[in-house]
N, C-alpha and C. Protein backbone atom coordinates (compact mmCIF):
# COMPACT_ATOMS: atom_id res chain seq x y z
N MET A 1 -6.94 -7.01 -26.61
CA MET A 1 -6.97 -7.87 -26.93
C MET A 1 -8.51 -6.12 -27.55
N PRO A 2 -9.75 -6.36 -28.35
CA PRO A 2 -10.13 -4.98 -28.44
C PRO A 2 -11.27 -4.54 -27.86
N GLY A 3 -10.53 -3.00 -28.48
CA GLY A 3 -11.20 -2.21 -27.47
C GLY A 3 -10.63 -1.71 -25.92
N TRP A 4 -9.48 -1.91 -26.50
CA TRP A 4 -8.60 -0.87 -25.41
C TRP A 4 -6.64 -1.09 -26.02
N ALA A 5 -5.93 -0.26 -25.88
CA ALA A 5 -4.86 -0.41 -26.77
C ALA A 5 -4.13 -1.66 -25.53
N HIS A 6 -3.23 -2.09 -26.65
CA HIS A 6 -2.11 -3.19 -26.19
C HIS A 6 -1.28 -2.08 -25.20
N PRO A 7 -0.75 -2.90 -24.34
CA PRO A 7 0.36 -2.13 -22.81
C PRO A 7 1.45 -1.84 -24.03
N VAL A 8 2.57 -1.44 -22.97
CA VAL A 8 3.97 -1.53 -23.89
C VAL A 8 4.15 -0.72 -22.07
N ILE A 9 5.52 -1.90 -22.43
CA ILE A 9 6.49 -2.02 -20.61
C ILE A 9 6.39 -0.77 -20.74
N HIS A 10 7.30 -0.01 -20.84
CA HIS A 10 7.60 1.51 -20.85
C HIS A 10 6.71 2.15 -20.16
N GLN A 11 5.80 2.44 -20.53
CA GLN A 11 4.58 3.33 -20.30
C GLN A 11 3.42 2.42 -19.18
N VAL A 12 3.29 0.49 -18.54
CA VAL A 12 2.87 0.81 -17.41
C VAL A 12 3.97 0.65 -16.39
N ALA A 13 5.11 0.12 -17.07
CA ALA A 13 6.71 0.44 -15.58
C ALA A 13 6.17 2.14 -14.84
N ILE A 14 5.90 3.35 -16.05
CA ILE A 14 5.72 4.39 -15.81
C ILE A 14 4.34 4.68 -14.90
N SER A 15 3.89 3.65 -15.13
CA SER A 15 2.13 4.22 -14.91
C SER A 15 2.44 3.72 -13.07
N ARG A 16 3.39 2.45 -13.09
CA ARG A 16 3.27 2.44 -11.60
C ARG A 16 3.95 2.93 -11.02
N VAL A 17 5.08 3.87 -11.02
CA VAL A 17 5.49 4.82 -10.53
C VAL A 17 4.54 5.39 -10.34
N VAL A 18 4.17 6.74 -10.95
CA VAL A 18 2.87 7.28 -11.10
C VAL A 18 2.40 6.87 -10.03
N VAL A 19 1.27 5.42 -9.59
CA VAL A 19 0.72 4.92 -9.04
C VAL A 19 1.24 4.41 -6.94
N LEU A 20 3.09 4.60 -7.51
CA LEU A 20 3.52 4.95 -5.93
C LEU A 20 3.41 6.24 -5.12
N ALA A 21 3.96 7.19 -6.36
CA ALA A 21 3.93 8.36 -6.03
C ALA A 21 2.76 8.59 -5.33
N CYS A 22 1.62 8.80 -6.06
CA CYS A 22 0.63 8.54 -4.86
C CYS A 22 -0.41 8.34 -3.49
N VAL A 23 0.16 6.94 -3.95
CA VAL A 23 0.70 6.72 -2.36
C VAL A 23 0.62 6.89 -1.62
N ALA A 24 2.19 7.88 -1.99
CA ALA A 24 3.20 8.24 -0.95
C ALA A 24 2.22 8.99 -0.66
N LEU A 25 2.09 9.85 -1.81
CA LEU A 25 1.01 11.53 -1.50
C LEU A 25 -0.26 11.35 -1.05
N LEU A 26 -0.99 10.74 -0.56
CA LEU A 26 -1.86 10.01 0.48
C LEU A 26 -2.13 10.45 1.94
N ALA A 27 -0.66 11.03 2.38
CA ALA A 27 -1.07 11.14 4.20
C ALA A 27 -1.46 12.62 3.35
N VAL A 28 -0.69 13.09 2.32
CA VAL A 28 -1.95 14.62 2.72
C VAL A 28 -2.45 15.36 1.48
N GLY A 29 -4.43 13.91 1.15
CA GLY A 29 -4.38 14.04 0.35
C GLY A 29 -4.05 13.10 -1.36
N PRO A 30 -5.19 13.02 -2.28
CA PRO A 30 -4.49 12.16 -2.82
C PRO A 30 -4.82 13.62 -4.38
N VAL A 31 -4.87 15.08 -4.08
CA VAL A 31 -5.24 15.53 -4.78
C VAL A 31 -3.86 15.61 -5.63
N GLY A 32 -4.10 16.00 -6.58
CA GLY A 32 -2.80 16.00 -8.03
C GLY A 32 -2.38 14.58 -7.88
N CYS A 33 -3.29 13.52 -7.57
CA CYS A 33 -2.66 12.88 -8.37
C CYS A 33 -3.12 12.21 -9.38
N SER A 34 -2.60 11.23 -10.42
CA SER A 34 -2.35 11.76 -12.12
C SER A 34 -3.33 10.02 -11.80
N SER A 35 -4.61 10.35 -12.74
CA SER A 35 -5.53 8.45 -13.12
C SER A 35 -4.44 8.50 -13.16
N THR A 36 -5.03 6.72 -12.58
CA THR A 36 -4.93 5.83 -13.80
C THR A 36 -5.97 4.70 -13.80
N THR A 37 -5.64 4.64 -15.09
CA THR A 37 -7.00 3.35 -16.00
C THR A 37 -6.42 1.68 -16.02
N VAL A 38 -7.60 1.16 -15.48
CA VAL A 38 -7.19 -0.07 -16.28
C VAL A 38 -6.37 -0.79 -17.08
N SER A 39 -6.93 0.24 -17.68
CA SER A 39 -5.42 -0.75 -18.89
C SER A 39 -4.48 0.17 -18.91
N ASP A 40 -3.85 0.81 -17.84
CA ASP A 40 -2.81 1.38 -17.16
C ASP A 40 -1.75 0.21 -17.07
N VAL A 41 -2.74 -0.55 -15.93
CA VAL A 41 -2.41 -1.67 -14.92
C VAL A 41 -2.21 -2.96 -15.81
N ALA A 42 -2.86 -3.54 -16.39
CA ALA A 42 -3.71 -5.02 -17.15
C ALA A 42 -2.52 -5.16 -17.61
N ASP A 43 -2.33 -6.07 -17.60
CA ASP A 43 -1.07 -6.88 -18.38
C ASP A 43 -1.65 -8.56 -19.74
N GLY A 44 -2.72 -7.49 -20.26
CA GLY A 44 -3.80 -7.61 -21.23
C GLY A 44 -4.10 -9.63 -20.78
N GLN A 45 -4.67 -8.97 -19.51
CA GLN A 45 -5.99 -10.00 -18.83
C GLN A 45 -7.15 -9.30 -18.49
N VAL A 46 -7.10 -7.73 -18.88
CA VAL A 46 -8.40 -6.40 -18.08
C VAL A 46 -9.73 -6.80 -18.94
N ASP A 47 -10.48 -7.53 -18.87
CA ASP A 47 -12.18 -7.13 -18.41
C ASP A 47 -12.08 -5.62 -19.51
N ALA A 48 -12.33 -5.60 -21.80
CA ALA A 48 -12.14 -4.74 -21.42
C ALA A 48 -13.51 -3.61 -21.26
N SER A 49 -14.46 -4.24 -20.50
CA SER A 49 -15.85 -3.17 -20.54
C SER A 49 -14.82 -1.71 -19.14
N PHE A 50 -13.93 -2.23 -18.77
CA PHE A 50 -12.90 -1.84 -17.45
C PHE A 50 -11.42 -1.52 -17.83
N ALA A 51 -11.24 -1.41 -19.39
CA ALA A 51 -9.95 -0.80 -19.91
C ALA A 51 -9.82 0.59 -19.24
N ASP A 52 -10.86 1.70 -19.20
CA ASP A 52 -10.75 3.01 -19.54
C ASP A 52 -11.05 3.67 -17.49
N ALA A 53 -11.41 2.47 -16.88
CA ALA A 53 -11.96 2.57 -15.56
C ALA A 53 -10.51 3.53 -15.05
N ILE A 54 -11.04 4.03 -14.13
CA ILE A 54 -10.45 5.10 -12.34
C ILE A 54 -10.77 4.42 -11.95
N ILE A 55 -9.61 2.85 -11.57
CA ILE A 55 -9.93 2.54 -10.11
C ILE A 55 -9.87 2.67 -8.39
N ILE A 56 -11.25 2.88 -7.98
CA ILE A 56 -11.30 3.79 -6.95
C ILE A 56 -11.08 2.57 -5.42
N ASP A 57 -10.10 2.55 -4.84
CA ASP A 57 -10.98 1.21 -3.46
C ASP A 57 -10.38 2.99 -2.20
N VAL A 58 -12.69 2.83 -1.67
CA VAL A 58 -12.81 2.92 -0.12
C VAL A 58 -12.74 3.10 0.58
N ARG A 59 -11.93 1.91 0.95
CA ARG A 59 -11.52 1.44 2.31
C ARG A 59 -10.59 2.16 3.13
N THR A 60 -10.42 2.07 4.19
CA THR A 60 -9.10 2.64 4.99
C THR A 60 -7.87 2.72 4.92
N PRO A 61 -6.60 3.08 5.38
CA PRO A 61 -5.54 3.19 4.77
C PRO A 61 -4.57 2.11 5.13
N GLU A 62 -4.95 1.56 6.53
CA GLU A 62 -4.93 -0.06 6.64
C GLU A 62 -5.40 -0.84 6.18
N GLU A 63 -6.48 -0.72 5.79
CA GLU A 63 -7.27 -2.62 4.52
C GLU A 63 -6.17 -1.98 3.09
N PHE A 64 -6.07 -0.51 2.69
CA PHE A 64 -5.65 -0.81 1.82
C PHE A 64 -4.71 -1.11 1.87
N ALA A 65 -3.25 -0.85 2.74
CA ALA A 65 -2.20 -0.93 2.72
C ALA A 65 -1.98 -3.41 2.81
N ALA A 66 -2.88 -3.91 2.95
CA ALA A 66 -2.97 -5.23 3.12
C ALA A 66 -3.30 -6.01 1.88
N GLY A 67 -3.46 -5.04 1.41
CA GLY A 67 -4.28 -5.74 0.06
C GLY A 67 -5.36 -4.29 -0.85
N HIS A 68 -5.71 -4.31 -2.36
CA HIS A 68 -6.05 -3.27 -2.99
C HIS A 68 -5.28 -3.59 -4.21
N LEU A 69 -5.99 -3.58 -5.03
CA LEU A 69 -6.38 -3.73 -6.97
C LEU A 69 -5.25 -3.03 -7.54
N ASP A 70 -4.33 -3.72 -7.79
CA ASP A 70 -3.03 -2.94 -8.41
C ASP A 70 -3.05 -1.63 -9.11
N GLY A 71 -2.99 -0.43 -8.89
CA GLY A 71 -3.59 1.02 -9.44
C GLY A 71 -4.36 1.50 -8.83
N ALA A 72 -4.73 0.69 -7.86
CA ALA A 72 -5.62 2.29 -7.83
C ALA A 72 -5.93 2.82 -6.00
N LEU A 73 -6.64 3.52 -6.63
CA LEU A 73 -6.01 4.99 -5.85
C LEU A 73 -7.65 4.52 -4.96
N LEU A 74 -6.40 5.51 -3.79
CA LEU A 74 -7.61 5.15 -2.40
C LEU A 74 -8.35 6.28 -1.77
N TYR A 75 -9.82 6.42 -2.03
CA TYR A 75 -9.96 7.52 -1.27
C TYR A 75 -11.15 7.33 -0.30
N ASN A 76 -10.70 7.02 1.07
CA ASN A 76 -11.45 6.46 2.65
C ASN A 76 -12.84 7.29 3.05
N VAL A 77 -14.14 7.27 1.80
CA VAL A 77 -15.59 6.75 2.72
C VAL A 77 -15.32 7.55 4.24
N GLN A 78 -15.04 6.87 4.85
CA GLN A 78 -15.36 6.83 6.02
C GLN A 78 -14.83 8.89 6.18
N ASP A 79 -13.43 8.99 5.72
CA ASP A 79 -13.11 9.88 5.41
C ASP A 79 -13.72 11.11 5.63
N PRO A 80 -13.46 12.24 7.06
CA PRO A 80 -14.88 13.72 6.43
C PRO A 80 -14.34 14.44 5.54
N SER A 81 -13.03 13.85 5.05
CA SER A 81 -13.04 14.78 3.67
C SER A 81 -12.60 14.00 2.14
N PHE A 82 -13.72 12.86 2.15
CA PHE A 82 -14.09 12.55 1.38
C PHE A 82 -14.54 13.27 0.06
N GLU A 83 -15.44 14.38 0.33
CA GLU A 83 -16.30 15.22 -1.14
C GLU A 83 -15.56 15.77 -1.57
N ALA A 84 -14.74 16.33 -0.22
CA ALA A 84 -13.65 17.55 -0.38
C ALA A 84 -12.90 17.08 -1.53
N ASN A 85 -11.74 15.53 -0.98
CA ASN A 85 -11.26 14.65 -2.34
C ASN A 85 -12.01 14.50 -3.28
N ILE A 86 -12.89 14.26 -3.31
CA ILE A 86 -13.48 13.37 -4.78
C ILE A 86 -13.91 14.51 -5.92
N ALA A 87 -13.18 15.56 -4.85
CA ALA A 87 -14.68 17.05 -6.19
C ALA A 87 -13.02 17.30 -7.05
N ALA A 88 -11.42 16.49 -6.87
CA ALA A 88 -10.57 17.09 -7.77
C ALA A 88 -10.57 15.86 -8.81
N LEU A 89 -11.65 15.10 -8.74
CA LEU A 89 -11.63 14.15 -9.33
C LEU A 89 -12.21 14.12 -11.16
N ASP A 90 -12.61 13.85 -12.10
CA ASP A 90 -13.40 14.03 -13.51
C ASP A 90 -14.35 14.13 -12.99
N ALA A 91 -15.61 14.41 -12.82
CA ALA A 91 -16.90 13.77 -12.89
C ALA A 91 -17.02 12.64 -14.26
N THR A 92 -16.86 13.22 -14.83
CA THR A 92 -17.58 12.93 -16.45
C THR A 92 -16.12 11.72 -16.60
N ALA A 93 -15.80 11.52 -15.84
CA ALA A 93 -14.63 9.99 -15.96
C ALA A 93 -15.33 8.80 -15.63
N THR A 94 -14.30 7.75 -16.03
CA THR A 94 -14.94 6.58 -15.84
C THR A 94 -14.40 5.57 -15.02
N TYR A 95 -15.54 5.14 -13.41
CA TYR A 95 -14.68 5.65 -12.22
C TYR A 95 -15.09 3.67 -11.69
N VAL A 96 -14.37 2.83 -11.29
CA VAL A 96 -14.50 1.35 -10.68
C VAL A 96 -14.83 1.77 -9.36
N VAL A 97 -15.91 1.27 -8.39
CA VAL A 97 -14.87 1.87 -6.83
C VAL A 97 -14.99 0.38 -6.35
N TYR A 98 -14.61 0.38 -5.05
CA TYR A 98 -15.20 -1.04 -4.52
C TYR A 98 -14.64 -0.38 -2.94
N CYS A 99 -15.03 -1.94 -2.56
CA CYS A 99 -13.98 -1.89 -0.99
C CYS A 99 -13.60 -3.33 0.03
N ARG A 100 -14.30 -3.41 1.22
CA ARG A 100 -14.18 -4.76 1.65
C ARG A 100 -15.61 -6.17 1.23
N SER A 101 -16.63 -5.09 1.20
CA SER A 101 -17.53 -6.19 0.94
C SER A 101 -18.83 -5.09 0.42
N GLY A 102 -18.71 -4.37 -0.08
CA GLY A 102 -19.92 -3.63 -0.87
C GLY A 102 -20.28 -2.55 -0.45
N ASN A 103 -20.76 -2.51 1.10
CA ASN A 103 -21.20 -1.10 1.81
C ASN A 103 -20.33 -0.27 1.80
N ARG A 104 -19.12 0.08 2.00
CA ARG A 104 -18.71 1.35 2.31
C ARG A 104 -18.88 2.12 0.10
N SER A 105 -19.09 0.64 -0.71
CA SER A 105 -18.59 1.35 -1.97
C SER A 105 -19.95 2.16 -2.51
N ALA A 106 -21.57 1.31 -2.37
CA ALA A 106 -22.50 1.59 -2.00
C ALA A 106 -22.80 2.86 -2.11
N GLN A 107 -22.00 3.53 -0.51
CA GLN A 107 -22.12 4.82 0.08
C GLN A 107 -21.55 5.75 -0.73
N ALA A 108 -20.26 5.69 -0.98
CA ALA A 108 -19.66 5.97 -2.20
C ALA A 108 -20.34 6.43 -3.78
N ILE A 109 -20.82 5.59 -3.86
CA ILE A 109 -21.30 5.67 -5.46
C ILE A 109 -22.76 6.54 -5.01
N GLU A 110 -23.38 6.83 -4.28
CA GLU A 110 -24.24 7.54 -4.13
C GLU A 110 -24.23 8.77 -3.62
N ARG A 111 -22.85 9.11 -2.71
CA ARG A 111 -22.14 10.52 -2.28
C ARG A 111 -20.83 10.71 -4.02
N MET A 112 -20.93 9.76 -4.57
CA MET A 112 -20.31 10.36 -5.90
C MET A 112 -21.86 10.89 -6.99
N LYS A 113 -22.29 10.17 -6.98
CA LYS A 113 -23.64 11.01 -8.02
C LYS A 113 -23.84 12.40 -7.56
N ALA A 114 -24.24 12.52 -6.62
CA ALA A 114 -25.05 13.34 -5.53
C ALA A 114 -24.27 15.17 -6.02
N VAL A 115 -22.45 14.01 -6.72
CA VAL A 115 -21.76 15.85 -6.61
C VAL A 115 -21.75 15.69 -7.98
N GLY A 116 -22.27 15.05 -9.15
CA GLY A 116 -22.02 14.99 -9.89
C GLY A 116 -21.34 13.85 -11.11
N PHE A 117 -21.01 13.08 -10.73
CA PHE A 117 -20.09 11.57 -10.34
C PHE A 117 -21.46 11.20 -12.29
N THR A 118 -21.19 10.63 -13.14
CA THR A 118 -21.46 10.00 -14.55
C THR A 118 -21.82 8.41 -14.65
N THR A 119 -20.75 8.35 -15.27
CA THR A 119 -20.28 6.88 -14.96
C THR A 119 -19.99 6.20 -13.93
N LEU A 120 -20.03 5.60 -12.65
CA LEU A 120 -19.69 4.60 -11.55
C LEU A 120 -19.91 2.48 -12.21
N THR A 121 -19.08 2.29 -11.28
CA THR A 121 -19.91 1.21 -11.49
C THR A 121 -19.19 0.23 -9.91
N ASP A 122 -20.05 0.37 -9.02
CA ASP A 122 -19.96 -0.56 -8.62
C ASP A 122 -19.46 -1.57 -8.36
N LEU A 123 -18.05 -2.53 -8.53
CA LEU A 123 -18.40 -3.21 -7.80
C LEU A 123 -17.69 -5.04 -6.80
N GLY A 124 -18.43 -3.56 -5.96
CA GLY A 124 -18.44 -4.85 -4.27
C GLY A 124 -17.04 -4.84 -3.06
N SER A 125 -16.49 -6.09 -3.32
CA SER A 125 -15.47 -6.54 -2.38
C SER A 125 -14.16 -6.06 -3.66
N LEU A 126 -13.65 -6.16 -3.08
CA LEU A 126 -12.00 -6.37 -3.43
C LEU A 126 -11.69 -6.91 -3.94
N GLN A 127 -12.50 -8.64 -3.65
CA GLN A 127 -11.58 -9.72 -4.02
C GLN A 127 -12.71 -10.16 -5.91
N ASN A 128 -14.19 -9.07 -5.23
CA ASN A 128 -15.28 -9.13 -6.57
C ASN A 128 -14.46 -8.69 -7.66
N ALA A 129 -14.23 -6.66 -7.49
CA ALA A 129 -13.45 -6.52 -7.85
C ALA A 129 -12.27 -7.18 -9.02
N SER A 130 -11.24 -7.51 -8.36
CA SER A 130 -10.40 -8.87 -8.74
C SER A 130 -10.69 -9.25 -9.63
N ASP A 131 -11.89 -10.30 -9.47
CA ASP A 131 -11.85 -11.43 -10.85
C ASP A 131 -12.35 -10.11 -11.70
N GLU A 132 -13.36 -9.26 -12.11
CA GLU A 132 -14.51 -9.06 -12.24
C GLU A 132 -13.49 -8.53 -13.49
N THR A 133 -12.57 -7.84 -13.25
CA THR A 133 -11.41 -6.60 -13.83
C THR A 133 -10.47 -7.85 -14.62
N GLY A 134 -10.16 -8.55 -13.86
CA GLY A 134 -8.94 -9.34 -14.43
C GLY A 134 -7.09 -8.24 -13.63
N ILE A 135 -7.53 -7.84 -12.47
CA ILE A 135 -6.21 -6.95 -12.04
C ILE A 135 -6.48 -7.85 -11.20
N ALA A 136 -5.11 -8.13 -10.21
CA ALA A 136 -4.14 -8.78 -9.27
C ALA A 136 -4.06 -7.53 -8.64
N ILE A 137 -4.26 -8.58 -6.86
CA ILE A 137 -4.69 -8.13 -5.08
C ILE A 137 -3.28 -7.62 -5.61
N VAL A 138 -2.13 -6.57 -4.63
CA VAL A 138 -1.49 -6.25 -4.63
C VAL A 138 -1.28 -6.08 -3.02
N GLN A 139 0.11 -5.71 -2.58
CA GLN A 139 0.07 -4.99 -1.04
C GLN A 139 1.17 -3.99 -1.13
N ASP A 140 0.64 -3.48 -0.32
CA ASP A 140 1.86 -2.39 -0.52
C ASP A 140 2.92 -2.50 0.88
């Protein structure tokens, strides 16, 4: 597909291991996790406009465990340390943000903009984010 590199099975496997390590570290916060982009987890079905985006789920850890986009990073917008956690991210990178219904993702987008993030896409609900990006919903 034009606009993004063809996935290599080995690279995808390594990316998924990194994602699992990041999820394991969520208990101490997401700082230090390497970014996973949509193209790292896609199986050739991703919308090219999201190929380099970093996927951010802003729901609670319980909601995340029940189902999330494959490769998404959890940054709970209701956590008092949300701003401190996102401060560790590259504000110039491209981010796709979603939640359960679209309310919290809109709040997260506004808070991220307020601290200098520039390329943000609010995809609303988990299902809509999956539909728009072509990324499967997975469970822990």
